[in-house]
Amino acid sequence: MKRSFLAIVLLLAGIFLLAACGKDQSKTYEGDIEGADVITTLTYKGDKLLKQSSILTINYDENGISKSEAEQILDEQEKVFKGVDGVSYKKEIKKDKAIQKIKIDYETDNVKKMTKKLGITGPEKGKDYVNVKDVERAMKKAGFEEKKPLKDND
């Protein structure tokens, strides 16, 4: 009886683990790039990076720049991202801050070409996908820290 129960528990645990491995997961990182606050979320499955969403916020007063200077900075960055397959770009120029939102879909047909054009971490040699661990290493090297998920207080 004990063996049967243990076998069922192990079987259910195995099924649960396999189901969890098949789901998309995400991690969020926060950092600072030349005075701008950046929040980036990586969505992945296994070791394959699927998507990256970033929000960059430039507060004019905190960075000692004017609204028009911030707009010029984002206009230059927009040139890099606009028209690239797999990338969506949006900017908002507000009274007190400028916000840039970038979404990168790593499941595009030519991920190698896209990552090279953007100057970001690309696929390892011989692979057709970007390894999430490589991107995490690059982010940590740039000073980003993983933001721990909020937990429910039951």
Protein backbone atom coordinates (compact mmCIF):
# COMPACT_ATOMS: atom_id res chain seq x y z
CA MET A 1 0.00 0.00 0.00
CA LYS A 2 2.79 2.41 0.94
CA ARG A 3 4.66 1.63 -2.28
CA SER A 4 1.56 2.24 -4.39
CA PHE A 5 0.94 5.56 -2.68
CA LEU A 6 4.59 6.59 -3.09
CA ALA A 7 4.54 5.58 -6.76
CA ILE A 8 1.40 7.68 -7.37
CA VAL A 9 2.92 10.69 -5.57
CA LEU A 10 6.13 10.41 -7.61
CA LEU A 11 4.15 10.05 -10.83
CA LEU A 12 2.06 13.13 -10.04
CA ALA A 13 5.17 15.11 -9.07
CA GLY A 14 6.82 14.12 -12.35
CA ILE A 15 3.77 15.19 -14.35
CA PHE A 16 3.67 18.49 -12.46
CA LEU A 17 7.36 19.15 -13.15
CA LEU A 18 6.99 18.32 -16.84
CA ALA A 19 3.98 20.60 -17.10
CA ALA A 20 5.88 23.42 -15.39
CA CYS A 21 8.82 23.00 -17.78
CA GLY A 22 6.51 23.45 -20.74
CA LYS A 23 5.17 26.82 -19.58
CA ASP A 24 6.55 30.22 -20.42
CA GLN A 25 8.35 31.83 -17.49
CA SER A 26 9.52 35.37 -16.91
CA LYS A 27 12.02 37.36 -14.90
CA THR A 28 12.13 41.10 -14.39
CA TYR A 29 15.29 43.17 -14.06
CA GLU A 30 15.78 46.77 -12.99
CA GLY A 31 18.71 49.00 -13.72
CA ASP A 32 20.01 52.41 -14.59
CA ILE A 33 21.40 53.41 -17.97
CA GLU A 34 23.06 56.82 -17.88
CA GLY A 35 20.50 58.16 -15.40
CA ALA A 36 17.45 56.57 -17.01
CA ASP A 37 15.44 54.03 -15.03
CA VAL A 38 14.96 50.77 -16.94
CA ILE A 39 12.69 47.82 -16.21
CA THR A 40 13.09 44.78 -18.46
CA THR A 41 11.07 41.59 -18.45
CA LEU A 42 12.45 38.47 -20.13
CA THR A 43 9.96 35.79 -21.18
CA TYR A 44 11.46 32.38 -21.86
CA LYS A 45 10.75 28.69 -22.15
CA GLY A 46 13.51 26.41 -20.96
CA ASP A 47 16.71 28.14 -22.05
CA LYS A 48 15.10 29.81 -25.09
CA LEU A 49 14.40 33.55 -24.84
CA LEU A 50 11.00 34.28 -26.39
CA LYS A 51 10.38 37.98 -25.69
CA GLN A 52 11.90 40.99 -24.03
CA SER A 53 9.91 44.04 -22.92
CA SER A 54 11.67 47.15 -21.67
CA ILE A 55 10.43 50.43 -20.28
CA LEU A 56 12.96 53.26 -20.03
CA THR A 57 12.01 56.42 -18.10
CA ILE A 58 13.96 59.67 -18.24
CA ASN A 59 12.96 62.18 -15.55
CA TYR A 60 14.02 65.61 -16.83
CA ASP A 61 14.81 67.20 -13.44
CA GLU A 62 16.70 64.17 -12.10
CA ASN A 63 18.84 63.96 -15.24
CA GLY A 64 19.38 67.69 -15.72
CA ILE A 65 18.02 67.69 -19.27
CA SER A 66 15.17 69.49 -20.94
CA LYS A 67 12.10 67.96 -22.49
CA SER A 68 13.44 68.68 -25.99
CA GLU A 69 16.82 67.07 -25.19
CA ALA A 70 15.06 63.93 -23.97
CA GLU A 71 12.94 63.91 -27.10
CA GLN A 72 16.10 64.13 -29.25
CA ILE A 73 17.63 61.19 -27.39
CA LEU A 74 14.54 59.05 -27.96
CA ASP A 75 14.29 60.18 -31.60
CA GLU A 76 17.82 58.86 -32.19
CA GLN A 77 17.02 55.56 -30.48
CA GLU A 78 13.79 55.28 -32.46
CA LYS A 79 15.85 55.22 -35.66
CA VAL A 80 17.62 52.09 -34.41
CA PHE A 81 14.45 50.19 -33.50
CA LYS A 82 11.86 51.34 -36.06
CA GLY A 83 11.31 49.03 -39.01
CA VAL A 84 13.18 46.07 -37.52
CA ASP A 85 11.22 42.81 -37.85
CA GLY A 86 10.30 41.49 -34.43
CA VAL A 87 10.57 44.86 -32.67
CA SER A 88 7.86 47.29 -31.60
CA TYR A 89 8.81 50.75 -30.37
CA LYS A 90 6.77 53.44 -28.68
CA LYS A 91 7.74 56.70 -27.03
CA GLU A 92 5.81 59.14 -24.89
CA ILE A 93 7.01 62.67 -24.19
CA LYS A 94 5.31 63.97 -21.07
CA LYS A 95 5.54 67.17 -19.07
CA ASP A 96 8.03 65.81 -16.50
CA LYS A 97 9.46 62.69 -18.13
CA ALA A 98 10.00 60.77 -21.36
CA ILE A 99 9.10 57.10 -21.62
CA GLN A 100 10.35 54.57 -24.16
CA LYS A 101 8.74 51.14 -24.56
CA ILE A 102 10.43 48.43 -26.58
CA LYS A 103 9.19 44.91 -27.21
CA ILE A 104 11.45 42.39 -28.90
CA ASP A 105 10.08 39.11 -30.24
CA TYR A 106 12.94 36.61 -30.38
CA GLU A 107 10.80 34.10 -32.25
CA THR A 108 11.20 36.04 -35.49
CA ASP A 109 12.33 34.13 -38.56
CA ASN A 110 15.76 35.76 -38.66
CA VAL A 111 16.69 36.32 -35.04
CA LYS A 112 20.42 36.42 -35.88
CA LYS A 113 19.98 39.32 -38.32
CA MET A 114 17.72 41.20 -35.88
CA THR A 115 20.07 40.88 -32.89
CA LYS A 116 23.07 41.89 -34.99
CA LYS A 117 21.29 44.99 -36.31
CA LEU A 118 20.26 46.02 -32.79
CA GLY A 119 23.66 45.22 -31.29
CA ILE A 120 22.23 42.93 -28.61
CA THR A 121 23.04 39.40 -27.45
CA GLY A 122 22.34 36.99 -30.29
CA PRO A 123 22.19 33.23 -30.76
CA GLU A 124 25.18 31.07 -29.93
CA LYS A 125 27.06 29.66 -32.90
CA GLY A 126 25.03 26.88 -34.51
CA LYS A 127 21.79 27.79 -32.70
CA ASP A 128 18.70 29.51 -34.05
CA TYR A 129 17.57 31.00 -30.73
CA VAL A 130 18.92 33.30 -28.03
CA ASN A 131 19.82 31.65 -24.72
CA VAL A 132 18.16 33.45 -21.81
CA LYS A 133 21.21 32.82 -19.58
CA ASP A 134 23.44 34.76 -22.02
CA VAL A 135 21.08 37.75 -21.88
CA GLU A 136 20.85 37.56 -18.08
CA ARG A 137 24.65 37.55 -17.82
CA ALA A 138 24.87 40.62 -20.06
CA MET A 139 22.22 42.43 -18.02
CA LYS A 140 23.91 41.66 -14.72
CA LYS A 141 27.24 42.80 -16.15
CA ALA A 142 25.54 46.10 -17.11
CA GLY A 143 24.42 46.54 -13.49
CA PHE A 144 20.86 45.24 -13.67
CA GLU A 145 19.42 43.38 -10.71
CA GLU A 146 16.68 40.79 -10.75
CA LYS A 147 13.47 42.05 -9.21
CA LYS A 148 11.91 39.41 -6.99
CA PRO A 149 8.24 38.64 -7.72
CA LEU A 150 5.63 39.85 -5.26
CA LYS A 151 4.11 37.15 -3.10
CA ASP A 152 0.53 36.94 -1.97
CA ASN A 153 -0.07 37.18 1.74
CA ASP A 154 -2.56 34.41 2.38
